[in-house]
């Protein structure tokens, strides 16, 4: 199913963290917190300003972002758990070096 967010909303897929610490300790699922990092799957056209002109978003599909712990609304689309949130809920864009991005 194709999904396109409206206004200044974005559709985000959480990026799961490793289940093992750097020291080699395995973290059980019950002790893990939900990741606060994700990838933008789709972005809306942007909000409108006071004059009715469209203000484009700073993020685009494919960007890795950090967001607040309680941001957005969790939805299930095509059996996948995703989050819909406003652009204002995004804390920043994570710049991933090309070598790291290919390994992930």
C-alpha atoms as a PDB file:
ATOM      1  CA  UNK A   1       0.000   0.000   0.000  1.00  0.00           C
ATOM      2  CA  UNK A   2       1.312   3.464  -0.846  1.00  0.00           C
ATOM      3  CA  UNK A   3       1.108   6.019   1.944  1.00  0.00           C
ATOM      4  CA  UNK A   4       1.754   9.754   1.652  1.00  0.00           C
ATOM      5  CA  UNK A   5       1.710  11.898   4.807  1.00  0.00           C
ATOM      6  CA  UNK A   6      -0.111  15.227   4.723  1.00  0.00           C
ATOM      7  CA  UNK A   7       1.231  18.658   5.650  1.00  0.00           C
ATOM      8  CA  UNK A   8       4.403  18.648   7.726  1.00  0.00           C
ATOM      9  CA  UNK A   9       4.139  15.010   8.799  1.00  0.00           C
ATOM     10  CA  UNK A  10       6.641  12.221   8.097  1.00  0.00           C
ATOM     11  CA  UNK A  11       6.471   8.424   8.164  1.00  0.00           C
ATOM     12  CA  UNK A  12       9.378   6.869  10.104  1.00  0.00           C
ATOM     13  CA  UNK A  13      10.676   3.298  10.465  1.00  0.00           C
ATOM     14  CA  UNK A  14      12.546   2.680  13.731  1.00  0.00           C
ATOM     15  CA  UNK A  15      16.134   1.489  13.369  1.00  0.00           C
ATOM     16  CA  UNK A  16      16.748  -1.322  15.831  1.00  0.00           C
ATOM     17  CA  UNK A  17      19.904  -1.135  17.924  1.00  0.00           C
ATOM     18  CA  UNK A  18      22.245  -4.052  18.545  1.00  0.00           C
ATOM     19  CA  UNK A  19      21.156  -6.489  21.228  1.00  0.00           C
ATOM     20  CA  UNK A  20      24.730  -6.674  22.518  1.00  0.00           C
ATOM     21  CA  UNK A  21      26.788  -4.006  24.297  1.00  0.00           C
ATOM     22  CA  UNK A  22      30.330  -3.122  23.261  1.00  0.00           C
ATOM     23  CA  UNK A  23      31.561  -5.273  26.147  1.00  0.00           C
ATOM     24  CA  UNK A  24      29.720  -8.325  24.778  1.00  0.00           C
ATOM     25  CA  UNK A  25      26.784  -8.379  27.208  1.00  0.00           C
ATOM     26  CA  UNK A  26      23.545  -9.472  25.526  1.00  0.00           C
ATOM     27  CA  UNK A  27      20.541  -7.299  26.408  1.00  0.00           C
ATOM     28  CA  UNK A  28      17.228  -9.214  26.671  1.00  0.00           C
ATOM     29  CA  UNK A  29      14.181  -7.890  24.807  1.00  0.00           C
ATOM     30  CA  UNK A  30      12.410  -7.049  28.052  1.00  0.00           C
ATOM     31  CA  UNK A  31      15.205  -4.663  29.120  1.00  0.00           C
ATOM     32  CA  UNK A  32      15.505  -2.842  25.802  1.00  0.00           C
ATOM     33  CA  UNK A  33      13.944   0.549  25.206  1.00  0.00           C
ATOM     34  CA  UNK A  34      12.384   1.489  21.905  1.00  0.00           C
ATOM     35  CA  UNK A  35      14.976   3.086  19.627  1.00  0.00           C
ATOM     36  CA  UNK A  36      14.822   6.843  19.172  1.00  0.00           C
ATOM     37  CA  UNK A  37      16.503   6.677  15.786  1.00  0.00           C
ATOM     38  CA  UNK A  38      14.720   5.998  12.538  1.00  0.00           C
ATOM     39  CA  UNK A  39      14.657   6.336   8.778  1.00  0.00           C
ATOM     40  CA  UNK A  40      12.235   8.610   6.951  1.00  0.00           C
ATOM     41  CA  UNK A  41      10.092   6.448   4.662  1.00  0.00           C
ATOM     42  CA  UNK A  42       7.842   9.210   3.292  1.00  0.00           C
ATOM     43  CA  UNK A  43       7.443  12.944   3.885  1.00  0.00           C
ATOM     44  CA  UNK A  44       4.536  15.276   3.315  1.00  0.00           C
ATOM     45  CA  UNK A  45       4.711  18.363   1.071  1.00  0.00           C
ATOM     46  CA  UNK A  46       5.190  20.748   4.018  1.00  0.00           C
ATOM     47  CA  UNK A  47       3.080  23.093   6.113  1.00  0.00           C
ATOM     48  CA  UNK A  48       1.532  26.334   4.916  1.00  0.00           C
ATOM     49  CA  UNK A  49       2.600  29.711   6.279  1.00  0.00           C
ATOM     50  CA  UNK A  50       0.313  32.660   7.105  1.00  0.00           C
ATOM     51  CA  UNK A  51       0.167  33.705   3.445  1.00  0.00           C
ATOM     52  CA  UNK A  52      -0.872  30.217   2.332  1.00  0.00           C
ATOM     53  CA  UNK A  53       2.494  29.435   0.716  1.00  0.00           C
ATOM     54  CA  UNK A  54       3.919  25.944   1.142  1.00  0.00           C
ATOM     55  CA  UNK A  55       6.998  25.719   3.408  1.00  0.00           C
ATOM     56  CA  UNK A  56       9.029  22.641   2.361  1.00  0.00           C
ATOM     57  CA  UNK A  57      10.324  20.175   4.954  1.00  0.00           C
ATOM     58  CA  UNK A  58      13.995  19.998   5.986  1.00  0.00           C
ATOM     59  CA  UNK A  59      13.917  16.182   5.849  1.00  0.00           C
ATOM     60  CA  UNK A  60      13.366  13.818   2.938  1.00  0.00           C
ATOM     61  CA  UNK A  61      12.846  10.106   2.398  1.00  0.00           C
ATOM     62  CA  UNK A  62      15.992   8.152   3.242  1.00  0.00           C
ATOM     63  CA  UNK A  63      17.244  10.515   5.995  1.00  0.00           C
ATOM     64  CA  UNK A  64      18.214   8.988   9.358  1.00  0.00           C
ATOM     65  CA  UNK A  65      16.772  11.046  12.183  1.00  0.00           C
ATOM     66  CA  UNK A  66      16.629  11.216  15.968  1.00  0.00           C
ATOM     67  CA  UNK A  67      13.277  11.863  17.613  1.00  0.00           C
ATOM     68  CA  UNK A  68      11.843  12.159  21.111  1.00  0.00           C
ATOM     69  CA  UNK A  69      10.936   9.086  23.130  1.00  0.00           C
ATOM     70  CA  UNK A  70       7.177   9.781  23.087  1.00  0.00           C
ATOM     71  CA  UNK A  71       6.975  11.387  19.615  1.00  0.00           C
ATOM     72  CA  UNK A  72       4.380  10.577  17.002  1.00  0.00           C
ATOM     73  CA  UNK A  73       1.635   8.012  16.622  1.00  0.00           C
ATOM     74  CA  UNK A  74       2.484   4.353  16.110  1.00  0.00           C
ATOM     75  CA  UNK A  75       0.702   2.734  13.162  1.00  0.00           C
ATOM     76  CA  UNK A  76       0.879  -0.597  11.360  1.00  0.00           C
ATOM     77  CA  UNK A  77       1.066  -0.402   7.560  1.00  0.00           C
ATOM     78  CA  UNK A  78       1.432  -3.605   5.515  1.00  0.00           C
ATOM     79  CA  UNK A  79       2.279  -5.499   8.714  1.00  0.00           C
ATOM     80  CA  UNK A  80       5.178  -3.163   9.586  1.00  0.00           C
ATOM     81  CA  UNK A  81       5.233  -1.003  12.732  1.00  0.00           C
ATOM     82  CA  UNK A  82       5.864   2.619  11.718  1.00  0.00           C
ATOM     83  CA  UNK A  83       5.493   6.065  13.291  1.00  0.00           C
ATOM     84  CA  UNK A  84       3.762   9.142  11.901  1.00  0.00           C
ATOM     85  CA  UNK A  85       5.049  12.371  13.427  1.00  0.00           C
ATOM     86  CA  UNK A  86       5.274  16.065  12.724  1.00  0.00           C
ATOM     87  CA  UNK A  87       8.570  17.475  11.515  1.00  0.00           C
ATOM     88  CA  UNK A  88       8.777  19.492  14.759  1.00  0.00           C
ATOM     89  CA  UNK A  89       9.081  16.198  16.719  1.00  0.00           C
ATOM     90  CA  UNK A  90      12.347  15.402  14.920  1.00  0.00           C
ATOM     91  CA  UNK A  91      15.392  16.431  16.950  1.00  0.00           C
ATOM     92  CA  UNK A  92      17.952  16.208  14.151  1.00  0.00           C
ATOM     93  CA  UNK A  93      19.336  14.395  11.125  1.00  0.00           C
ATOM     94  CA  UNK A  94      22.088  11.794  11.640  1.00  0.00           C
ATOM     95  CA  UNK A  95      24.832  11.973   9.027  1.00  0.00           C
ATOM     96  CA  UNK A  96      25.937   8.395   8.401  1.00  0.00           C
ATOM     97  CA  UNK A  97      29.298   7.874   6.658  1.00  0.00           C
ATOM     98  CA  UNK A  98      28.936   5.976   3.354  1.00  0.00           C
ATOM     99  CA  UNK A  99      30.906   2.931   4.583  1.00  0.00           C
ATOM    100  CA  UNK A 100      28.707   2.543   7.673  1.00  0.00           C
ATOM    101  CA  UNK A 101      25.473   2.970   5.706  1.00  0.00           C
ATOM    102  CA  UNK A 102      26.420   0.186   3.267  1.00  0.00           C
ATOM    103  CA  UNK A 103      27.251  -2.204   6.110  1.00  0.00           C
ATOM    104  CA  UNK A 104      23.870  -1.652   7.797  1.00  0.00           C
END
